[in-house]
Amino acid sequence: MIWYVLASFFPCIFVVFFSVLTRSKWVGTILTLIIIGASVQKGFFHNEWIIFIDVASLLAGYLIIDQLEFHKKEDD
């Protein structure tokens, strides 16, 4: 059960964190996809539902970044 909860929140948090850190929503999304892909290849996923929840959470993180525009660089 804990795997489903983690799959629901971590990809979203990773996309937001990496996008704010790098100031690019695309780089944040790609870095999160690389992390998820590496963990799938290493066998940390028990079934296909966790991958589906990861992708949905990744999409939610992308939409949050896009709507709130945290990735935009502020010039003074």
C-alpha atoms as a PDB file:
ATOM      1  CA  MET A   1       0.000   0.000   0.000  1.00  0.00           C
ATOM      2  CA  ILE A   2       2.863   2.370   0.746  1.00  0.00           C
ATOM      3  CA  TRP A   3       4.123   2.048  -2.855  1.00  0.00           C
ATOM      4  CA  TYR A   4       0.861   3.479  -4.207  1.00  0.00           C
ATOM      5  CA  VAL A   5       1.012   6.451  -1.848  1.00  0.00           C
ATOM      6  CA  LEU A   6       4.628   7.154  -2.758  1.00  0.00           C
ATOM      7  CA  ALA A   7       3.837   6.833  -6.465  1.00  0.00           C
ATOM      8  CA  SER A   8       1.039   9.364  -6.020  1.00  0.00           C
ATOM      9  CA  PHE A   9       3.176  12.123  -4.537  1.00  0.00           C
ATOM     10  CA  PHE A  10       6.877  11.774  -5.291  1.00  0.00           C
ATOM     11  CA  PRO A  11       6.859  12.287  -9.089  1.00  0.00           C
ATOM     12  CA  CYS A  12       4.748  15.416  -8.658  1.00  0.00           C
ATOM     13  CA  ILE A  13       7.081  16.751  -5.982  1.00  0.00           C
ATOM     14  CA  PHE A  14      10.146  15.877  -8.069  1.00  0.00           C
ATOM     15  CA  VAL A  15       8.811  17.717 -11.138  1.00  0.00           C
ATOM     16  CA  VAL A  16       8.044  20.819  -9.080  1.00  0.00           C
ATOM     17  CA  PHE A  17      11.409  20.682  -7.264  1.00  0.00           C
ATOM     18  CA  PHE A  18      13.551  20.118 -10.356  1.00  0.00           C
ATOM     19  CA  SER A  19      11.616  22.699 -12.387  1.00  0.00           C
ATOM     20  CA  VAL A  20      12.074  25.376  -9.739  1.00  0.00           C
ATOM     21  CA  LEU A  21      15.715  24.415  -9.274  1.00  0.00           C
ATOM     22  CA  THR A  22      16.593  24.494 -12.977  1.00  0.00           C
ATOM     23  CA  ARG A  23      14.052  27.186 -13.984  1.00  0.00           C
ATOM     24  CA  SER A  24      12.780  24.971 -16.801  1.00  0.00           C
ATOM     25  CA  LYS A  25       9.641  22.849 -16.708  1.00  0.00           C
ATOM     26  CA  TRP A  26      10.990  20.613 -19.463  1.00  0.00           C
ATOM     27  CA  VAL A  27      14.253  19.853 -17.682  1.00  0.00           C
ATOM     28  CA  GLY A  28      12.352  19.105 -14.465  1.00  0.00           C
ATOM     29  CA  THR A  29      10.019  16.739 -16.281  1.00  0.00           C
ATOM     30  CA  ILE A  30      12.828  14.976 -18.143  1.00  0.00           C
ATOM     31  CA  LEU A  31      14.891  14.529 -14.966  1.00  0.00           C
ATOM     32  CA  THR A  32      11.886  12.995 -13.238  1.00  0.00           C
ATOM     33  CA  LEU A  33      11.282  10.685 -16.205  1.00  0.00           C
ATOM     34  CA  ILE A  34      14.919   9.576 -16.039  1.00  0.00           C
ATOM     35  CA  ILE A  35      14.568   8.773 -12.331  1.00  0.00           C
ATOM     36  CA  ILE A  36      11.351   6.812 -12.914  1.00  0.00           C
ATOM     37  CA  GLY A  37      12.857   4.994 -15.910  1.00  0.00           C
ATOM     38  CA  ALA A  38      15.949   4.007 -13.944  1.00  0.00           C
ATOM     39  CA  SER A  39      13.860   2.679 -11.070  1.00  0.00           C
ATOM     40  CA  VAL A  40      11.673   0.683 -13.481  1.00  0.00           C
ATOM     41  CA  GLN A  41      14.760  -0.811 -15.081  1.00  0.00           C
ATOM     42  CA  LYS A  42      16.219  -1.721 -11.674  1.00  0.00           C
ATOM     43  CA  GLY A  43      12.991  -3.517 -10.767  1.00  0.00           C
ATOM     44  CA  PHE A  44      11.636  -1.360  -7.960  1.00  0.00           C
ATOM     45  CA  PHE A  45       8.078  -1.549  -9.295  1.00  0.00           C
ATOM     46  CA  HIS A  46       5.798  -4.388  -8.272  1.00  0.00           C
ATOM     47  CA  ASN A  47       3.101  -3.978 -10.922  1.00  0.00           C
ATOM     48  CA  GLU A  48       1.896  -1.824 -13.794  1.00  0.00           C
ATOM     49  CA  TRP A  49      -0.496   0.243 -11.661  1.00  0.00           C
ATOM     50  CA  ILE A  50       2.393   1.910  -9.888  1.00  0.00           C
ATOM     51  CA  ILE A  51       3.839   3.005 -13.230  1.00  0.00           C
ATOM     52  CA  PHE A  52       0.430   4.358 -14.268  1.00  0.00           C
ATOM     53  CA  ILE A  53       0.112   6.293 -10.983  1.00  0.00           C
ATOM     54  CA  ASP A  54       3.660   7.644 -11.463  1.00  0.00           C
ATOM     55  CA  VAL A  55       2.795   8.949 -14.913  1.00  0.00           C
ATOM     56  CA  ALA A  56      -0.428  10.545 -13.636  1.00  0.00           C
ATOM     57  CA  SER A  57       1.488  12.200 -10.785  1.00  0.00           C
ATOM     58  CA  LEU A  58       4.164  13.396 -13.199  1.00  0.00           C
ATOM     59  CA  LEU A  59       1.467  14.955 -15.371  1.00  0.00           C
ATOM     60  CA  ALA A  60      -0.081  16.620 -12.318  1.00  0.00           C
ATOM     61  CA  GLY A  61       3.300  18.084 -11.373  1.00  0.00           C
ATOM     62  CA  TYR A  62       3.794  19.387 -14.898  1.00  0.00           C
ATOM     63  CA  LEU A  63       0.368  21.033 -14.855  1.00  0.00           C
ATOM     64  CA  ILE A  64       1.057  22.597 -11.444  1.00  0.00           C
ATOM     65  CA  ILE A  65       4.343  24.057 -12.680  1.00  0.00           C
ATOM     66  CA  ASP A  66       2.726  25.283 -15.873  1.00  0.00           C
ATOM     67  CA  GLN A  67      -0.199  26.975 -14.109  1.00  0.00           C
ATOM     68  CA  LEU A  68       1.728  28.542 -11.220  1.00  0.00           C
ATOM     69  CA  GLU A  69       4.698  29.477 -13.446  1.00  0.00           C
ATOM     70  CA  PHE A  70       7.310  28.723 -10.780  1.00  0.00           C
ATOM     71  CA  HIS A  71       9.752  27.845 -13.540  1.00  0.00           C
ATOM     72  CA  LYS A  72       9.784  31.362 -15.025  1.00  0.00           C
ATOM     73  CA  LYS A  73      12.830  33.445 -14.287  1.00  0.00           C
ATOM     74  CA  GLU A  74      12.064  36.722 -12.584  1.00  0.00           C
ATOM     75  CA  ASP A  75      14.104  39.662 -13.835  1.00  0.00           C
ATOM     76  CA  ASP A  76      14.353  42.749 -11.653  1.00  0.00           C
END
